[in-house]
């Protein structure tokens, strides 16, 4: 019954929050088995497998988990970001670059993706591109941090129009939609945390 997906996903998210990775992995695998066309299930499973030791069988499943997610949703930016980061860690730079560039386009260039692209450029001796990416990454990270800070301040001062206007400006620059009145901070930069924030809501 597809109606039970949100409940299952929320439970997995809560287990991730409490670092109960073993049980969360079991539930994520069950979600994939039950709904094999659901990209989110494979994303959760891949994220959980990444918490395993690098030399473990479970960690070795990450790549296929993220490829399965892309098989379900070829334009899933989080899946591209995750597998791009994985390829960067294993020094598969050209494959990493392809997926990270896709993630940057699909996710409006979050700072973690730009940081990974910078590492790819630096590792492939493309100094000029790496320097440019580093500047973009630092600019984006500064904006993300400002948006988080403004969002937290708005929780305490919801009627502060100056804060609201600046929050709108920064979030718009980051390519995210703004809804007012602002109730909670909406910016998240890390792909893994981004995935978890979507799960827990």
C-alpha atoms as a PDB file:
ATOM      1  CA  UNK A   1       0.000   0.000   0.000  1.00  0.00           C
ATOM      2  CA  UNK A   2       1.778   3.186  -1.195  1.00  0.00           C
ATOM      3  CA  UNK A   3      -0.023   5.144   1.510  1.00  0.00           C
ATOM      4  CA  UNK A   4       2.304   3.618   4.107  1.00  0.00           C
ATOM      5  CA  UNK A   5       5.464   4.968   2.426  1.00  0.00           C
ATOM      6  CA  UNK A   6       5.551   8.322   4.301  1.00  0.00           C
ATOM      7  CA  UNK A   7       5.208   6.544   7.660  1.00  0.00           C
ATOM      8  CA  UNK A   8       7.955   4.042   6.829  1.00  0.00           C
ATOM      9  CA  UNK A   9      10.253   6.801   5.580  1.00  0.00           C
ATOM     10  CA  UNK A  10       9.608   8.935   8.657  1.00  0.00           C
ATOM     11  CA  UNK A  11      10.421   5.995  10.943  1.00  0.00           C
ATOM     12  CA  UNK A  12      13.693   5.379   9.094  1.00  0.00           C
ATOM     13  CA  UNK A  13      14.518   9.072   9.419  1.00  0.00           C
ATOM     14  CA  UNK A  14      13.943   8.979  13.161  1.00  0.00           C
ATOM     15  CA  UNK A  15      16.169   5.917  13.474  1.00  0.00           C
ATOM     16  CA  UNK A  16      18.912   7.717  11.532  1.00  0.00           C
ATOM     17  CA  UNK A  17      18.530  10.669  13.903  1.00  0.00           C
ATOM     18  CA  UNK A  18      19.160   8.374  16.861  1.00  0.00           C
ATOM     19  CA  UNK A  19      22.019   6.562  15.042  1.00  0.00           C
ATOM     20  CA  UNK A  20      20.165   3.252  15.127  1.00  0.00           C
ATOM     21  CA  UNK A  21      21.664   2.406  11.758  1.00  0.00           C
ATOM     22  CA  UNK A  22      21.234  -1.373  11.900  1.00  0.00           C
ATOM     23  CA  UNK A  23      17.457  -1.290  12.325  1.00  0.00           C
ATOM     24  CA  UNK A  24      17.136   1.626   9.913  1.00  0.00           C
ATOM     25  CA  UNK A  25      19.053  -0.380   7.290  1.00  0.00           C
ATOM     26  CA  UNK A  26      16.721  -3.336   7.740  1.00  0.00           C
ATOM     27  CA  UNK A  27      13.670  -1.117   7.256  1.00  0.00           C
ATOM     28  CA  UNK A  28      15.224   0.650   4.254  1.00  0.00           C
ATOM     29  CA  UNK A  29      15.955  -2.704   2.610  1.00  0.00           C
ATOM     30  CA  UNK A  30      12.361  -3.769   3.244  1.00  0.00           C
ATOM     31  CA  UNK A  31      11.198  -0.492   1.674  1.00  0.00           C
ATOM     32  CA  UNK A  32      13.285  -1.199  -1.446  1.00  0.00           C
ATOM     33  CA  UNK A  33      12.005  -4.768  -1.665  1.00  0.00           C
ATOM     34  CA  UNK A  34       8.396  -3.649  -1.268  1.00  0.00           C
ATOM     35  CA  UNK A  35       8.644  -0.630  -3.602  1.00  0.00           C
ATOM     36  CA  UNK A  36      11.448  -1.328  -6.102  1.00  0.00           C
ATOM     37  CA  UNK A  37      10.579   1.741  -8.197  1.00  0.00           C
ATOM     38  CA  UNK A  38      10.962   4.161  -5.259  1.00  0.00           C
ATOM     39  CA  UNK A  39      14.229   6.095  -5.599  1.00  0.00           C
ATOM     40  CA  UNK A  40      14.051   7.383  -2.020  1.00  0.00           C
ATOM     41  CA  UNK A  41      14.312   3.841  -0.675  1.00  0.00           C
ATOM     42  CA  UNK A  42      17.627   3.269  -2.441  1.00  0.00           C
ATOM     43  CA  UNK A  43      18.892   6.694  -1.384  1.00  0.00           C
ATOM     44  CA  UNK A  44      18.178   5.875   2.239  1.00  0.00           C
ATOM     45  CA  UNK A  45      19.792   2.474   1.893  1.00  0.00           C
ATOM     46  CA  UNK A  46      22.892   3.948   0.260  1.00  0.00           C
ATOM     47  CA  UNK A  47      23.158   6.635   2.910  1.00  0.00           C
ATOM     48  CA  UNK A  48      22.952   3.978   5.626  1.00  0.00           C
ATOM     49  CA  UNK A  49      25.510   1.727   3.939  1.00  0.00           C
ATOM     50  CA  UNK A  50      27.898   4.694   3.930  1.00  0.00           C
ATOM     51  CA  UNK A  51      27.949   4.532   7.729  1.00  0.00           C
ATOM     52  CA  UNK A  52      29.621   1.131   7.505  1.00  0.00           C
ATOM     53  CA  UNK A  53      33.420   0.708   7.604  1.00  0.00           C
ATOM     54  CA  UNK A  54      35.073   1.474   4.253  1.00  0.00           C
ATOM     55  CA  UNK A  55      36.347  -2.100   3.843  1.00  0.00           C
ATOM     56  CA  UNK A  56      33.010  -3.747   4.670  1.00  0.00           C
ATOM     57  CA  UNK A  57      30.634  -5.556   2.325  1.00  0.00           C
ATOM     58  CA  UNK A  58      27.877  -3.113   3.299  1.00  0.00           C
ATOM     59  CA  UNK A  59      29.917  -0.072   2.300  1.00  0.00           C
ATOM     60  CA  UNK A  60      30.605  -1.736  -1.027  1.00  0.00           C
ATOM     61  CA  UNK A  61      26.866  -1.708  -1.739  1.00  0.00           C
ATOM     62  CA  UNK A  62      26.649   2.118  -1.758  1.00  0.00           C
ATOM     63  CA  UNK A  63      27.425   2.518  -5.446  1.00  0.00           C
ATOM     64  CA  UNK A  64      24.724   0.101  -6.557  1.00  0.00           C
ATOM     65  CA  UNK A  65      22.222   1.679  -4.162  1.00  0.00           C
ATOM     66  CA  UNK A  66      22.733   5.104  -5.721  1.00  0.00           C
ATOM     67  CA  UNK A  67      22.733   3.674  -9.254  1.00  0.00           C
ATOM     68  CA  UNK A  68      19.424   1.984  -8.445  1.00  0.00           C
ATOM     69  CA  UNK A  69      18.050   5.344  -7.286  1.00  0.00           C
ATOM     70  CA  UNK A  70      19.151   6.932 -10.564  1.00  0.00           C
ATOM     71  CA  UNK A  71      17.572   4.038 -12.437  1.00  0.00           C
ATOM     72  CA  UNK A  72      14.265   5.019 -10.828  1.00  0.00           C
ATOM     73  CA  UNK A  73      14.798   8.786 -11.170  1.00  0.00           C
ATOM     74  CA  UNK A  74      17.576   9.774 -13.616  1.00  0.00           C
ATOM     75  CA  UNK A  75      17.222  13.450 -12.616  1.00  0.00           C
ATOM     76  CA  UNK A  76      17.463  12.907  -8.876  1.00  0.00           C
ATOM     77  CA  UNK A  77      19.994  15.511  -7.772  1.00  0.00           C
ATOM     78  CA  UNK A  78      20.673  13.910  -4.392  1.00  0.00           C
ATOM     79  CA  UNK A  79      21.509  10.582  -6.018  1.00  0.00           C
ATOM     80  CA  UNK A  80      23.919  12.316  -8.405  1.00  0.00           C
ATOM     81  CA  UNK A  81      25.524  14.175  -5.476  1.00  0.00           C
ATOM     82  CA  UNK A  82      25.904  11.010  -3.414  1.00  0.00           C
ATOM     83  CA  UNK A  83      27.412   8.856  -6.134  1.00  0.00           C
ATOM     84  CA  UNK A  84      29.606  11.747  -7.280  1.00  0.00           C
ATOM     85  CA  UNK A  85      30.971  12.087  -3.748  1.00  0.00           C
ATOM     86  CA  UNK A  86      31.516   8.340  -3.572  1.00  0.00           C
ATOM     87  CA  UNK A  87      33.467   8.356  -6.849  1.00  0.00           C
ATOM     88  CA  UNK A  88      35.548  11.286  -5.619  1.00  0.00           C
ATOM     89  CA  UNK A  89      36.490   9.339  -2.484  1.00  0.00           C
ATOM     90  CA  UNK A  90      37.609   6.399  -4.635  1.00  0.00           C
ATOM     91  CA  UNK A  91      39.518   8.704  -7.044  1.00  0.00           C
ATOM     92  CA  UNK A  92      37.256   8.005 -10.017  1.00  0.00           C
ATOM     93  CA  UNK A  93      37.466  11.656 -10.929  1.00  0.00           C
ATOM     94  CA  UNK A  94      35.895  11.732 -14.393  1.00  0.00           C
ATOM     95  CA  UNK A  95      32.870   9.760 -13.236  1.00  0.00           C
ATOM     96  CA  UNK A  96      32.649  11.957 -10.141  1.00  0.00           C
ATOM     97  CA  UNK A  97      32.754  15.120 -12.261  1.00  0.00           C
ATOM     98  CA  UNK A  98      29.883  13.964 -14.464  1.00  0.00           C
ATOM     99  CA  UNK A  99      27.575  13.231 -11.539  1.00  0.00           C
ATOM    100  CA  UNK A 100      28.599  16.255  -9.482  1.00  0.00           C
ATOM    101  CA  UNK A 101      27.960  18.612 -12.396  1.00  0.00           C
ATOM    102  CA  UNK A 102      24.504  17.058 -12.773  1.00  0.00           C
ATOM    103  CA  UNK A 103      23.883  17.463  -9.030  1.00  0.00           C
ATOM    104  CA  UNK A 104      25.016  21.087  -9.147  1.00  0.00           C
ATOM    105  CA  UNK A 105      22.524  21.807 -11.909  1.00  0.00           C
ATOM    106  CA  UNK A 106      19.647  19.895 -10.313  1.00  0.00           C
ATOM    107  CA  UNK A 107      20.191  21.117  -6.726  1.00  0.00           C
ATOM    108  CA  UNK A 108      21.082  24.765  -7.457  1.00  0.00           C
ATOM    109  CA  UNK A 109      24.768  24.290  -6.601  1.00  0.00           C
ATOM    110  CA  UNK A 110      24.811  23.489  -2.864  1.00  0.00           C
ATOM    111  CA  UNK A 111      28.141  24.221  -1.205  1.00  0.00           C
ATOM    112  CA  UNK A 112      29.010  20.559  -0.583  1.00  0.00           C
ATOM    113  CA  UNK A 113      28.645  19.733  -4.273  1.00  0.00           C
ATOM    114  CA  UNK A 114      30.778  22.737  -5.208  1.00  0.00           C
ATOM    115  CA  UNK A 115      33.368  21.622  -2.649  1.00  0.00           C
ATOM    116  CA  UNK A 116      33.490  18.180  -4.258  1.00  0.00           C
ATOM    117  CA  UNK A 117      33.792  19.716  -7.727  1.00  0.00           C
ATOM    118  CA  UNK A 118      36.664  21.836  -6.423  1.00  0.00           C
ATOM    119  CA  UNK A 119      38.399  18.681  -5.175  1.00  0.00           C
ATOM    120  CA  UNK A 120      37.884  17.040  -8.575  1.00  0.00           C
ATOM    121  CA  UNK A 121      39.392  20.054 -10.336  1.00  0.00           C
ATOM    122  CA  UNK A 122      42.301  20.202  -7.899  1.00  0.00           C
ATOM    123  CA  UNK A 123      42.975  16.476  -8.227  1.00  0.00           C
ATOM    124  CA  UNK A 124      42.912  16.543 -12.023  1.00  0.00           C
ATOM    125  CA  UNK A 125      45.377  19.475 -12.181  1.00  0.00           C
ATOM    126  CA  UNK A 126      42.824  21.888 -13.633  1.00  0.00           C
ATOM    127  CA  UNK A 127      44.082  24.748 -11.468  1.00  0.00           C
ATOM    128  CA  UNK A 128      42.084  27.558 -13.090  1.00  0.00           C
ATOM    129  CA  UNK A 129      38.791  25.722 -12.828  1.00  0.00           C
ATOM    130  CA  UNK A 130      39.578  24.629  -9.282  1.00  0.00           C
ATOM    131  CA  UNK A 131      40.248  28.224  -8.232  1.00  0.00           C
ATOM    132  CA  UNK A 132      36.974  29.382  -9.768  1.00  0.00           C
ATOM    133  CA  UNK A 133      35.050  26.562  -8.100  1.00  0.00           C
ATOM    134  CA  UNK A 134      36.632  27.336  -4.758  1.00  0.00           C
ATOM    135  CA  UNK A 135      35.416  30.936  -4.977  1.00  0.00           C
ATOM    136  CA  UNK A 136      31.880  29.782  -5.905  1.00  0.00           C
ATOM    137  CA  UNK A 137      31.897  27.197  -3.118  1.00  0.00           C
ATOM    138  CA  UNK A 138      32.964  29.746  -0.489  1.00  0.00           C
ATOM    139  CA  UNK A 139      30.396  32.273  -1.734  1.00  0.00           C
ATOM    140  CA  UNK A 140      27.636  29.681  -1.635  1.00  0.00           C
ATOM    141  CA  UNK A 141      28.645  28.416   1.810  1.00  0.00           C
ATOM    142  CA  UNK A 142      28.592  31.965   3.187  1.00  0.00           C
ATOM    143  CA  UNK A 143      25.080  32.498   1.819  1.00  0.00           C
ATOM    144  CA  UNK A 144      23.856  29.163   3.196  1.00  0.00           C
ATOM    145  CA  UNK A 145      25.213  29.973   6.642  1.00  0.00           C
ATOM    146  CA  UNK A 146      23.613  33.414   6.572  1.00  0.00           C
ATOM    147  CA  UNK A 147      20.264  31.895   5.594  1.00  0.00           C
ATOM    148  CA  UNK A 148      20.461  29.392   8.458  1.00  0.00           C
ATOM    149  CA  UNK A 149      21.286  32.147  10.925  1.00  0.00           C
ATOM    150  CA  UNK A 150      18.488  34.375   9.649  1.00  0.00           C
ATOM    151  CA  UNK A 151      16.044  31.470   9.789  1.00  0.00           C
ATOM    152  CA  UNK A 152      16.913  30.800  13.417  1.00  0.00           C
ATOM    153  CA  UNK A 153      16.570  34.480  14.287  1.00  0.00           C
ATOM    154  CA  UNK A 154      13.160  34.577  12.607  1.00  0.00           C
ATOM    155  CA  UNK A 155      11.967  31.796  14.896  1.00  0.00           C
ATOM    156  CA  UNK A 156      12.599  34.166  17.802  1.00  0.00           C
ATOM    157  CA  UNK A 157      11.499  37.354  15.976  1.00  0.00           C
ATOM    158  CA  UNK A 158       8.769  36.324  13.492  1.00  0.00           C
ATOM    159  CA  UNK A 159       7.460  39.881  13.079  1.00  0.00           C
ATOM    160  CA  UNK A 160      10.844  41.445  12.214  1.00  0.00           C
ATOM    161  CA  UNK A 161      10.256  42.702   8.662  1.00  0.00           C
ATOM    162  CA  UNK A 162      13.913  43.551   8.093  1.00  0.00           C
ATOM    163  CA  UNK A 163      14.918  39.995   8.878  1.00  0.00           C
ATOM    164  CA  UNK A 164      12.158  38.631   6.641  1.00  0.00           C
ATOM    165  CA  UNK A 165      13.259  40.769   3.706  1.00  0.00           C
ATOM    166  CA  UNK A 166      16.915  39.768   4.053  1.00  0.00           C
ATOM    167  CA  UNK A 167      15.947  36.107   4.477  1.00  0.00           C
ATOM    168  CA  UNK A 168      13.910  36.300   1.278  1.00  0.00           C
ATOM    169  CA  UNK A 169      16.822  37.868  -0.577  1.00  0.00           C
ATOM    170  CA  UNK A 170      19.352  35.268   0.546  1.00  0.00           C
ATOM    171  CA  UNK A 171      17.093  32.270  -0.041  1.00  0.00           C
ATOM    172  CA  UNK A 172      16.150  33.599  -3.489  1.00  0.00           C
ATOM    173  CA  UNK A 173      19.843  33.966  -4.343  1.00  0.00           C
ATOM    174  CA  UNK A 174      20.309  30.331  -3.369  1.00  0.00           C
ATOM    175  CA  UNK A 175      17.602  29.333  -5.826  1.00  0.00           C
ATOM    176  CA  UNK A 176      15.059  28.155  -3.271  1.00  0.00           C
ATOM    177  CA  UNK A 177      11.418  29.088  -2.998  1.00  0.00           C
ATOM    178  CA  UNK A 178      10.427  31.370  -0.143  1.00  0.00           C
ATOM    179  CA  UNK A 179       7.096  31.146   1.637  1.00  0.00           C
ATOM    180  CA  UNK A 180       6.050  33.749   4.156  1.00  0.00           C
ATOM    181  CA  UNK A 181       5.578  33.996   7.018  1.00  0.00           C
ATOM    182  CA  UNK A 182       8.792  32.064   7.589  1.00  0.00           C
ATOM    183  CA  UNK A 183       8.356  29.475  10.291  1.00  0.00           C
ATOM    184  CA  UNK A 184      11.528  27.389  10.073  1.00  0.00           C
ATOM    185  CA  UNK A 185      14.940  27.580   8.423  1.00  0.00           C
ATOM    186  CA  UNK A 186      14.848  25.867   5.029  1.00  0.00           C
ATOM    187  CA  UNK A 187      18.459  25.833   3.876  1.00  0.00           C
ATOM    188  CA  UNK A 188      20.519  22.678   4.070  1.00  0.00           C
ATOM    189  CA  UNK A 189      23.795  22.189   2.271  1.00  0.00           C
ATOM    190  CA  UNK A 190      25.035  18.661   2.923  1.00  0.00           C
ATOM    191  CA  UNK A 191      23.489  16.132   0.498  1.00  0.00           C
ATOM    192  CA  UNK A 192      23.259  13.439   3.158  1.00  0.00           C
ATOM    193  CA  UNK A 193      21.687  15.781   5.685  1.00  0.00           C
ATOM    194  CA  UNK A 194      19.494  17.164   2.925  1.00  0.00           C
ATOM    195  CA  UNK A 195      18.214  13.669   2.320  1.00  0.00           C
ATOM    196  CA  UNK A 196      17.560  13.151   6.029  1.00  0.00           C
ATOM    197  CA  UNK A 197      15.776  16.500   6.348  1.00  0.00           C
ATOM    198  CA  UNK A 198      13.422  15.534   3.541  1.00  0.00           C
ATOM    199  CA  UNK A 199      12.796  12.187   5.230  1.00  0.00           C
ATOM    200  CA  UNK A 200      12.085  13.539   8.697  1.00  0.00           C
ATOM    201  CA  UNK A 201       9.624  16.237   7.694  1.00  0.00           C
END
